Every structure is written in structure tokens, then in C-alpha cells.
Protein backbone atom coordinates (compact mmCIF):
# COMPACT_ATOMS: atom_id res chain seq x y z
CA MET A 1 -82.09 -37.58 92.83
CA SER A 2 -79.62 -36.73 90.11
CA GLU A 3 -77.83 -39.40 88.14
CA LYS A 4 -74.21 -40.15 89.03
CA VAL A 5 -71.97 -39.38 86.06
CA CYS A 6 -68.31 -40.34 86.08
CA TYR A 7 -65.59 -39.32 83.63
CA VAL A 8 -63.07 -41.54 81.85
CA ASP A 9 -60.03 -40.11 80.07
CA PHE A 10 -59.69 -40.57 76.31
CA GLN A 11 -56.77 -43.00 76.35
CA THR A 12 -58.22 -45.33 78.96
CA LEU A 13 -61.59 -45.45 77.23
CA GLU A 14 -60.04 -46.05 73.81
CA ASN A 15 -57.78 -48.81 75.13
CA PHE A 16 -60.72 -50.45 76.91
CA MET A 17 -62.82 -50.50 73.76
CA ARG A 18 -59.89 -51.83 71.73
CA ASP A 19 -59.35 -54.66 74.21
CA VAL A 20 -63.06 -55.52 74.26
CA PHE A 21 -62.96 -55.82 70.47
CA ILE A 22 -59.84 -58.02 70.66
CA ALA A 23 -61.46 -60.24 73.29
CA SER A 24 -64.43 -60.59 70.92
CA GLY A 25 -62.28 -61.93 68.08
CA VAL A 26 -61.38 -58.75 66.19
CA PRO A 27 -57.70 -58.74 65.10
CA ALA A 28 -55.60 -56.23 67.05
CA GLU A 29 -54.96 -53.88 64.12
CA ASP A 30 -58.65 -53.83 63.20
CA ALA A 31 -59.67 -53.45 66.84
CA ALA A 32 -57.52 -50.30 67.05
CA ILE A 33 -59.37 -48.83 64.04
CA CYS A 34 -62.76 -49.65 65.53
CA ALA A 35 -61.85 -48.14 68.89
CA ASP A 36 -60.46 -45.01 67.22
CA VAL A 37 -63.75 -44.45 65.39
CA LEU A 38 -65.77 -44.82 68.60
CA ILE A 39 -63.51 -42.64 70.74
CA THR A 40 -63.61 -39.94 68.05
CA ALA A 41 -67.37 -39.70 68.56
CA ASP A 42 -66.93 -39.44 72.33
CA LYS A 43 -64.19 -36.85 71.96
CA LEU A 44 -66.46 -34.66 69.83
CA GLY A 45 -69.44 -34.95 72.17
CA ILE A 46 -71.41 -37.20 69.81
CA ASP A 47 -72.49 -39.55 72.58
CA SER A 48 -74.93 -41.41 70.35
CA HIS A 49 -72.03 -43.12 68.53
CA GLY A 50 -69.28 -43.70 71.07
CA ILE A 51 -68.81 -46.09 73.99
CA GLY A 52 -72.60 -46.38 74.29
CA ARG A 53 -72.71 -48.35 71.07
CA LEU A 54 -69.83 -50.71 71.83
CA LYS A 55 -71.92 -53.55 73.23
CA PRO A 56 -75.34 -53.34 71.54
CA ILE A 57 -74.18 -52.52 68.01
CA TYR A 58 -70.87 -54.37 67.72
CA ILE A 59 -70.13 -56.90 70.46
CA ASP A 60 -73.67 -58.29 70.66
CA ARG A 61 -73.82 -58.67 66.88
CA ILE A 62 -70.50 -60.48 66.82
CA ARG A 63 -71.79 -62.80 69.55
CA ASP A 64 -75.04 -63.32 67.63
CA LYS A 65 -72.91 -64.29 64.62
CA ILE A 66 -74.52 -61.72 62.35
CA GLN A 67 -71.28 -59.73 62.06
CA ASN A 68 -67.84 -61.12 61.31
CA PRO A 69 -65.06 -60.00 63.68
CA VAL A 70 -62.46 -60.68 60.97
CA THR A 71 -62.99 -58.37 58.00
CA GLU A 72 -62.27 -59.40 54.43
CA VAL A 73 -62.01 -56.22 52.36
CA GLU A 74 -62.44 -57.40 48.77
CA PHE A 75 -61.99 -54.97 45.90
CA VAL A 76 -64.62 -56.25 43.46
CA ARG A 77 -63.90 -53.55 40.91
CA LYS A 78 -61.09 -51.00 40.61
CA GLY A 79 -60.78 -48.00 38.35
CA PRO A 80 -58.19 -45.23 38.30
CA ALA A 81 -60.30 -43.08 40.64
CA THR A 82 -63.06 -45.45 41.76
CA ALA A 83 -63.57 -48.78 43.49
CA VAL A 84 -66.33 -51.16 44.54
CA ILE A 85 -65.62 -53.01 47.79
CA ASP A 86 -67.34 -56.02 49.35
CA ALA A 87 -66.91 -56.05 53.14
CA HIS A 88 -68.36 -59.56 53.59
CA ASP A 89 -70.29 -58.50 56.70
CA GLY A 90 -67.09 -57.70 58.59
CA MET A 91 -66.37 -54.68 60.76
CA GLY A 92 -67.80 -51.65 59.00
CA MET A 93 -65.16 -49.30 60.38
CA VAL A 94 -62.35 -51.36 58.89
CA ALA A 95 -63.94 -51.54 55.44
CA ALA A 96 -64.90 -47.86 55.54
CA LYS A 97 -61.40 -46.68 56.44
CA ALA A 98 -59.93 -48.74 53.59
CA ALA A 99 -62.51 -47.29 51.22
CA MET A 100 -61.79 -43.69 52.25
CA GLU A 101 -58.06 -44.23 51.95
CA TYR A 102 -58.48 -45.53 48.41
CA ALA A 103 -60.65 -42.52 47.51
CA MET A 104 -58.07 -40.11 48.94
CA ASP A 105 -55.19 -41.79 47.13
CA ALA A 106 -57.16 -41.52 43.90
CA ALA A 107 -57.96 -37.87 44.56
CA ALA A 108 -54.26 -37.14 45.10
CA LYS A 109 -53.61 -38.42 41.57
CA PHE A 110 -56.71 -37.29 39.68
CA GLY A 111 -58.34 -34.57 41.79
CA LEU A 112 -61.36 -36.71 42.68
CA GLY A 113 -61.85 -40.19 44.08
CA MET A 114 -64.93 -42.19 44.97
CA THR A 115 -65.50 -45.62 46.43
CA VAL A 116 -68.59 -47.60 47.37
CA VAL A 117 -68.97 -50.52 49.79
CA ARG A 118 -71.54 -53.31 49.98
CA ASN A 119 -72.27 -56.06 52.49
CA SER A 120 -70.94 -53.94 55.32
CA THR A 121 -72.04 -53.25 58.89
CA HIS A 122 -72.45 -50.19 61.09
CA PHE A 123 -69.34 -48.06 60.58
CA GLY A 124 -69.63 -45.75 63.59
CA ILE A 125 -69.66 -41.98 63.31
CA ALA A 126 -69.97 -41.08 59.62
CA GLY A 127 -67.89 -37.96 60.12
CA TYR A 128 -64.76 -39.96 60.95
CA TYR A 129 -64.12 -40.65 57.28
CA PRO A 130 -64.53 -37.14 55.81
CA LEU A 131 -62.33 -35.89 58.66
CA MET A 132 -59.62 -38.23 57.34
CA ALA A 133 -59.70 -36.23 54.10
CA VAL A 134 -59.33 -32.90 55.91
CA LYS A 135 -55.96 -34.07 57.25
CA ARG A 136 -54.79 -34.35 53.64
CA ASN A 137 -56.08 -30.93 52.54
CA MET A 138 -59.09 -32.56 50.88
CA ILE A 139 -62.83 -32.24 51.11
CA GLY A 140 -64.45 -35.42 52.39
CA ILE A 141 -68.00 -36.60 51.76
CA CYS A 142 -69.65 -39.84 52.78
CA GLY A 143 -73.00 -41.46 53.38
CA THR A 144 -74.48 -44.76 54.40
CA ASN A 145 -77.82 -46.46 54.39
CA ALA A 146 -79.12 -48.18 57.51
CA ARG A 147 -81.90 -50.39 58.82
CA PRO A 148 -85.33 -48.87 58.03
CA SER A 149 -86.36 -46.09 60.42
CA ILE A 150 -87.72 -43.11 58.45
CA ALA A 151 -91.24 -42.95 57.03
CA PRO A 152 -91.61 -41.23 53.63
CA THR A 153 -93.51 -37.94 53.58
CA PHE A 154 -97.26 -38.74 53.87
CA GLY A 155 -96.36 -42.27 54.99
CA VAL A 156 -96.15 -44.04 58.36
CA GLU A 157 -94.07 -47.12 57.47
CA ASN A 158 -90.37 -47.04 58.30
CA MET A 159 -88.71 -47.53 54.92
CA LEU A 160 -85.45 -45.54 54.82
CA GLY A 161 -82.54 -45.57 57.22
CA THR A 162 -81.44 -42.44 59.05
CA ASN A 163 -78.97 -42.20 56.13
CA PRO A 164 -76.48 -39.48 57.12
CA LEU A 165 -74.99 -37.23 54.44
CA THR A 166 -71.71 -35.99 55.87
CA PHE A 167 -69.16 -33.32 54.87
CA ALA A 168 -65.81 -32.17 56.25
CA ILE A 169 -64.12 -29.14 54.68
CA PRO A 170 -60.74 -27.64 55.69
CA SER A 171 -60.59 -24.03 56.86
CA ASP A 172 -57.93 -21.71 58.26
CA GLU A 173 -59.48 -22.00 61.72
CA GLU A 174 -58.64 -24.49 64.47
CA PHE A 175 -61.45 -26.74 63.32
CA PRO A 176 -62.91 -27.64 59.90
CA PHE A 177 -66.44 -27.16 58.67
CA PHE A 178 -67.90 -30.46 59.82
CA LEU A 179 -71.50 -31.47 59.14
CA ASP A 180 -72.47 -34.96 60.29
CA CYS A 181 -76.18 -35.45 60.72
CA ALA A 182 -78.97 -37.84 59.87
CA THR A 183 -81.60 -37.10 57.24
CA SER A 184 -84.26 -37.63 59.92
CA VAL A 185 -85.30 -35.12 62.60
CA SER A 186 -83.33 -37.23 65.04
CA GLN A 187 -81.79 -40.70 64.91
CA ARG A 188 -81.81 -43.97 66.75
CA GLY A 189 -78.53 -43.31 68.57
CA LYS A 190 -79.87 -40.10 70.12
CA ILE A 191 -83.02 -41.96 71.21
CA GLU A 192 -80.73 -44.50 72.89
CA VAL A 193 -79.06 -41.62 74.76
CA TYR A 194 -82.48 -40.47 76.00
CA ALA A 195 -83.28 -44.05 77.04
CA ARG A 196 -80.06 -44.37 79.05
CA SER A 197 -81.04 -41.19 80.89
CA GLY A 198 -84.67 -42.30 81.38
CA LYS A 199 -86.07 -39.30 79.50
CA GLU A 200 -89.05 -39.03 77.13
CA LEU A 201 -88.50 -37.82 73.57
CA PRO A 202 -89.57 -34.39 72.32
CA PRO A 203 -92.81 -34.50 70.28
CA GLY A 204 -92.37 -34.74 66.51
CA TRP A 205 -89.40 -37.10 66.40
CA VAL A 206 -91.36 -40.34 66.09
CA ILE A 207 -94.81 -41.29 64.79
CA ASP A 208 -97.01 -44.35 65.20
CA GLU A 209 -98.94 -46.24 62.53
CA GLN A 210 -101.72 -43.64 62.65
CA GLY A 211 -99.29 -40.77 62.17
CA ASN A 212 -99.53 -39.57 65.78
CA SER A 213 -96.45 -38.31 67.63
CA ARG A 214 -94.92 -40.59 70.27
CA THR A 215 -92.55 -39.78 73.13
CA ASP A 216 -92.30 -43.11 75.08
CA THR A 217 -88.58 -43.67 74.54
CA GLU A 218 -88.07 -47.26 75.70
CA GLN A 219 -91.03 -48.70 73.79
CA ILE A 220 -90.16 -46.65 70.71
CA LEU A 221 -86.79 -48.44 70.47
CA VAL A 222 -88.66 -51.75 70.47
CA ASP A 223 -91.30 -50.60 67.99
CA LEU A 224 -88.77 -49.17 65.53
CA VAL A 225 -87.47 -52.71 65.13
CA LYS A 226 -91.00 -54.14 64.91
CA GLY A 227 -91.95 -51.56 62.28
CA THR A 228 -94.80 -50.07 64.29
CA ALA A 229 -93.06 -46.75 64.85
CA ALA A 230 -91.10 -44.54 62.45
CA LEU A 231 -88.79 -41.54 62.58
CA THR A 232 -89.88 -38.37 60.84
CA PRO A 233 -87.66 -37.05 58.03
CA LEU A 234 -85.63 -33.87 58.44
CA GLY A 235 -88.19 -31.08 58.30
CA GLY A 236 -90.86 -33.09 60.08
CA LEU A 237 -94.28 -34.30 59.04
CA GLY A 238 -95.90 -33.33 55.75
CA GLU A 239 -94.93 -30.45 53.51
CA ASP A 240 -95.59 -27.39 55.69
CA THR A 241 -92.14 -27.61 57.31
CA ALA A 242 -90.53 -29.19 54.22
CA GLY A 243 -90.27 -32.75 55.46
CA TYR A 244 -90.05 -33.79 51.82
CA LYS A 245 -86.52 -32.36 51.77
CA GLY A 246 -85.26 -34.76 54.42
CA TYR A 247 -87.14 -37.58 52.71
CA GLY A 248 -85.51 -36.66 49.40
CA TYR A 249 -81.99 -36.45 50.81
CA ALA A 250 -82.45 -39.78 52.62
CA THR A 251 -83.44 -41.31 49.29
CA VAL A 252 -80.35 -39.87 47.58
CA VAL A 253 -78.15 -41.47 50.23
CA GLU A 254 -80.04 -44.77 49.87
CA ILE A 255 -79.46 -44.83 46.11
CA LEU A 256 -75.76 -43.94 46.33
CA SER A 257 -75.28 -46.49 49.12
CA ALA A 258 -76.93 -49.34 47.24
CA ALA A 259 -77.40 -48.91 43.51
CA LEU A 260 -73.78 -48.19 42.49
CA GLN A 261 -72.52 -51.31 44.25
CA GLN A 262 -75.66 -53.39 43.70
CA GLY A 263 -76.15 -53.84 47.43
CA ALA A 264 -79.17 -54.33 49.66
CA PHE A 265 -81.62 -51.48 50.28
CA LEU A 266 -84.74 -50.44 52.23
CA LYS A 267 -86.43 -53.48 53.83
CA GLY A 268 -83.47 -55.61 52.76
CA LEU A 269 -81.55 -53.96 55.62
CA LEU A 270 -83.87 -55.04 58.44
CA GLY A 271 -81.38 -57.52 59.91
CA PHE A 272 -83.99 -60.28 59.96
CA SER A 273 -84.69 -63.12 57.54
CA PRO A 274 -88.23 -63.70 56.18
CA GLU A 275 -88.56 -66.30 58.95
CA GLY A 276 -87.75 -63.67 61.59
CA LYS A 277 -84.23 -64.87 62.40
CA LYS A 278 -81.37 -62.40 62.94
CA GLN A 279 -79.08 -62.00 59.94
CA PRO A 280 -76.32 -59.60 58.80
CA TYR A 281 -77.48 -56.10 57.89
CA HIS A 282 -75.62 -55.89 54.54
CA LEU A 283 -75.24 -52.10 54.70
CA GLY A 284 -73.80 -49.96 51.91
CA HIS A 285 -71.62 -46.84 52.09
CA PHE A 286 -70.10 -44.31 49.69
CA PHE A 287 -67.01 -42.10 50.08
CA ILE A 288 -65.83 -39.12 48.04
CA ALA A 289 -62.52 -37.26 48.34
CA ILE A 290 -61.82 -33.98 46.53
CA ASP A 291 -58.26 -32.68 46.34
CA ILE A 292 -58.39 -28.92 46.81
CA ALA A 293 -55.03 -28.47 45.09
CA ALA A 294 -56.59 -29.68 41.84
CA PHE A 295 -58.80 -26.56 41.86
CA THR A 296 -56.96 -23.84 43.75
CA ASP A 297 -54.21 -23.18 46.26
CA PRO A 298 -55.19 -24.95 49.53
CA ALA A 299 -54.20 -21.93 51.66
CA ASP A 300 -56.44 -19.64 49.58
CA PHE A 301 -59.28 -22.15 49.83
CA LYS A 302 -58.95 -22.41 53.59
CA LYS A 303 -58.91 -18.61 53.93
CA SER A 304 -62.08 -18.25 51.84
CA THR A 305 -63.78 -21.01 53.80
CA GLY A 306 -62.77 -19.40 57.08
CA ASP A 307 -64.03 -16.01 55.89
CA ILE A 308 -67.41 -17.55 55.04
CA LEU A 309 -67.68 -19.21 58.44
CA ARG A 310 -66.60 -16.10 60.34
CA SER A 311 -69.05 -13.93 58.41
CA LEU A 312 -71.87 -16.27 59.31
CA ARG A 313 -70.96 -16.29 63.00
CA ASN A 314 -70.59 -12.50 63.06
CA SER A 315 -73.94 -11.79 61.44
CA ARG A 316 -76.81 -10.19 63.41
CA LYS A 317 -78.07 -12.32 66.28
CA ALA A 318 -81.70 -12.93 67.10
CA PRO A 319 -82.99 -11.25 70.27
CA GLY A 320 -81.88 -13.18 73.35
CA CYS A 321 -79.24 -15.18 71.47
CA ASP A 322 -75.59 -14.68 72.38
CA ARG A 323 -73.90 -16.29 69.40
CA ILE A 324 -74.24 -18.05 66.07
CA TYR A 325 -72.45 -21.33 65.46
CA THR A 326 -71.13 -22.95 62.30
CA ALA A 327 -71.03 -26.71 61.79
CA GLY A 328 -68.10 -28.28 63.63
CA GLU A 329 -67.72 -25.48 66.19
CA LYS A 330 -69.67 -27.20 68.97
CA GLU A 331 -67.84 -30.46 68.36
CA PHE A 332 -64.51 -28.66 68.67
CA ALA A 333 -65.66 -27.03 71.90
CA ALA A 334 -66.69 -30.44 73.24
CA TYR A 335 -63.27 -31.82 72.31
CA LEU A 336 -61.47 -29.03 74.19
CA GLN A 337 -63.61 -29.55 77.29
CA ARG A 338 -63.43 -33.34 77.28
CA SER A 339 -59.68 -33.24 76.75
CA GLN A 340 -59.61 -31.88 80.30
CA THR A 341 -62.50 -33.73 81.94
CA GLY A 342 -62.67 -37.02 80.05
CA VAL A 343 -65.80 -38.62 78.58
CA PRO A 344 -68.97 -38.54 80.73
CA VAL A 345 -70.32 -42.02 81.50
CA ASN A 346 -73.77 -42.28 83.09
CA GLU A 347 -74.91 -45.03 85.44
CA ALA A 348 -76.55 -47.19 82.78
CA LEU A 349 -73.38 -47.15 80.70
CA GLN A 350 -71.20 -47.80 83.76
CA LYS A 351 -73.06 -51.10 84.30
CA VAL A 352 -72.48 -52.09 80.68
CA MET A 353 -68.76 -51.31 80.92
CA LEU A 354 -68.41 -53.36 84.09
CA GLN A 355 -70.26 -56.23 82.44
CA LEU A 356 -67.91 -56.13 79.44
CA LYS A 357 -64.90 -55.89 81.74
CA GLN A 358 -65.96 -59.06 83.53
CA GLU A 359 -67.00 -61.00 80.43
CA CYS A 360 -63.82 -60.09 78.55
CA LYS A 361 -61.58 -60.67 81.61
CA LEU A 362 -60.08 -57.18 81.45
CA ASP A 363 -59.06 -56.95 85.08
CA GLN A 364 -56.26 -54.52 84.27
CA TYR A 365 -58.82 -51.69 84.05
CA SER A 366 -59.91 -49.84 87.17
CA PHE A 367 -62.64 -47.22 86.76
CA GLU A 368 -63.53 -44.47 89.22
CA PHE A 369 -67.19 -45.60 89.32
CA GLU A 370 -66.16 -49.02 90.71
CA LYS A 371 -65.14 -47.44 94.00
């Protein structure tokens, strides 16, 4: 029997998430930012970071008092083109947007801008912030560390976060070059998507303490927290498929997300005290904005970028393959489709939404799956 999937339009879903944040103590202006970040993921087909994360990553943590609903964005250090920000364990999306805006303003003056954030929390889809730069004819780059998930090459202990390294680059096409991916083969959010659908994982994503592959999705989510399972780095196990590259890039992101701002790192991001009690995650992020006009005419840059992307897509296809994609193309296609259909919500997520609706007393919302 197939699962019943319903669709919710963008505006309704965004408003619902905003109102859930408000009901949980997040100020209205900040709640709008948080909801915009989450709906952006759903619009682009990145289901691992949209409505599915509203309750377990944000609302539950606010209720557990390990994340502050009111965000104090403190500029600890400011330079002409740089800044260090302390988010005081508030809403990561709010601190991250402020940090990217500062970097972009600096880039508009000096060509380049960079900010770093400490004592933050999960900031949603990493790509949201580089995409902000694209709107200002800039190149955007960002990264964040996260609770330990990835085992180092030749190791089995989860030490590094999934640590995305994310780029958005303007082009003359309808969509930018947009690369937003973890430095692991997969990431926790995608495993959560598999769990909501009751599916096992593909082999090679996760290993146990003996280095054996695991596919038991539900228990893996438990064991990643316990430290008895680990994600494999981008490239997979060992050196034969270059897993050391993903391990290396994850380490770069860890250093830039922690050392520049003197924030927490590795096992310091577990979210548990030495006594085993829940505590804030104290995540770190970094943001870079590059003003294209400081180097060349933006129109010429976009044309060259578009030519590169078109040349790649028009190159010879492998037998049996109809097309070649460039980063950001599938997300744009998902956006066009979902603009018409709305965001797909499976049965597990429908139950969560109805629970939040009741708990937050949001009776003004009526969803198709309630009928």
C-alpha cells in the first residue's frame, strides 16, 4: 500500500512555520526569517532541511531550553571587512542572516567580506546564505560545523560534523550555480527523510564500530547520537575511492567554523554535558561574500559562468543517459514544479504538523490531509 502524500502551497506552509515559531517564543521578525530559510529548502526540493526539521531541530530544542528563542546577535569584533559574532545560542538562522548581510555590505565597499559566528545553533539550509549574495551580484560562500557524525578516514568514531561547504555563483541563466552539500557521503537530514518513509539506507553511507556498513535507518539515527555509528566521508571508506578528500574538506570547514572565532569544535558539539544532560550545541559558521564588480563587469562574469555551465551540460553523454546537470539545475526544476503543486508532505510529517497545530493553538490553518 503506497503512502498518502499531500501537497501544501508555499505561502501556507511558510506562514504555518512562522506562526509555530512565534507560538514557541521567537519574536515575529525573527520567526519570519526562520520560516523563510525552511521554506526555501522545501521550495528547492531539499526535503532534509525544510518543514521536516521544524519540530525536532528547532521547536523541541527551544522546549528543552537548549536553544534560545530570542537571539542576541553580539558583534564581538568588527573590522572594515570582517566581523566575529556571538549568537548566544539563539536562532541560528537569525545570526547567520545578520552575518551574511555584514559580509555583503563589506564586500560592496572593499570587494571582499567575511564574518564568523560562534555559540550558534542549526541555521537551516546552508545554501540560503550564499544565495543572498547572488541577489547582489556577488559570489557567496559559507560553511558550518555540526554535531559529530563523520568518522575520519581509517577511523570508526564519529568526530566531525557533516560540515557543508556551500557556494552560490551568479550566471546569465535563470538559476545560479548552486552547490550545497555535506562533506559526508550523505547527511543526517537525508537519513531522517528515509526514516519518515520507512526505507533502509543504501550500503556505504554509515558504518558501525567495526567498520561494517549499516542500513537500519531508525536505529542508525539513535546510534549516531550514541556514537556507535558514523557517517562515511565524501568519497567513502578508505583511500581507494578518495574518502580522504571528504575527510579533508570536512576538517577545513571545522577549522574555519571554530578556530577563527575561538568556538567549540568536534566532541564539544555533541549537545550533551559530561554528565549526559542536554545542552546547547554551540555551533560555529563562516560566511564569505565576493563582489564581482571589484574584479570584472558582472554581466561579463555571468556570461562566462553561463558558458561554462552550458558547455558542461552539452558535453558527450554516457550511454543510456539523457542529460548532464550542473549544480543548481535540479533545485531550480524542483522550484518550478513545486510552485505549481506545492510541497509534498508524507503521512509521518502530516502527523507532526497536526500535533504542532494543536499544541500551538493554530486553528486558523486547515490542511487537505485533515479531511
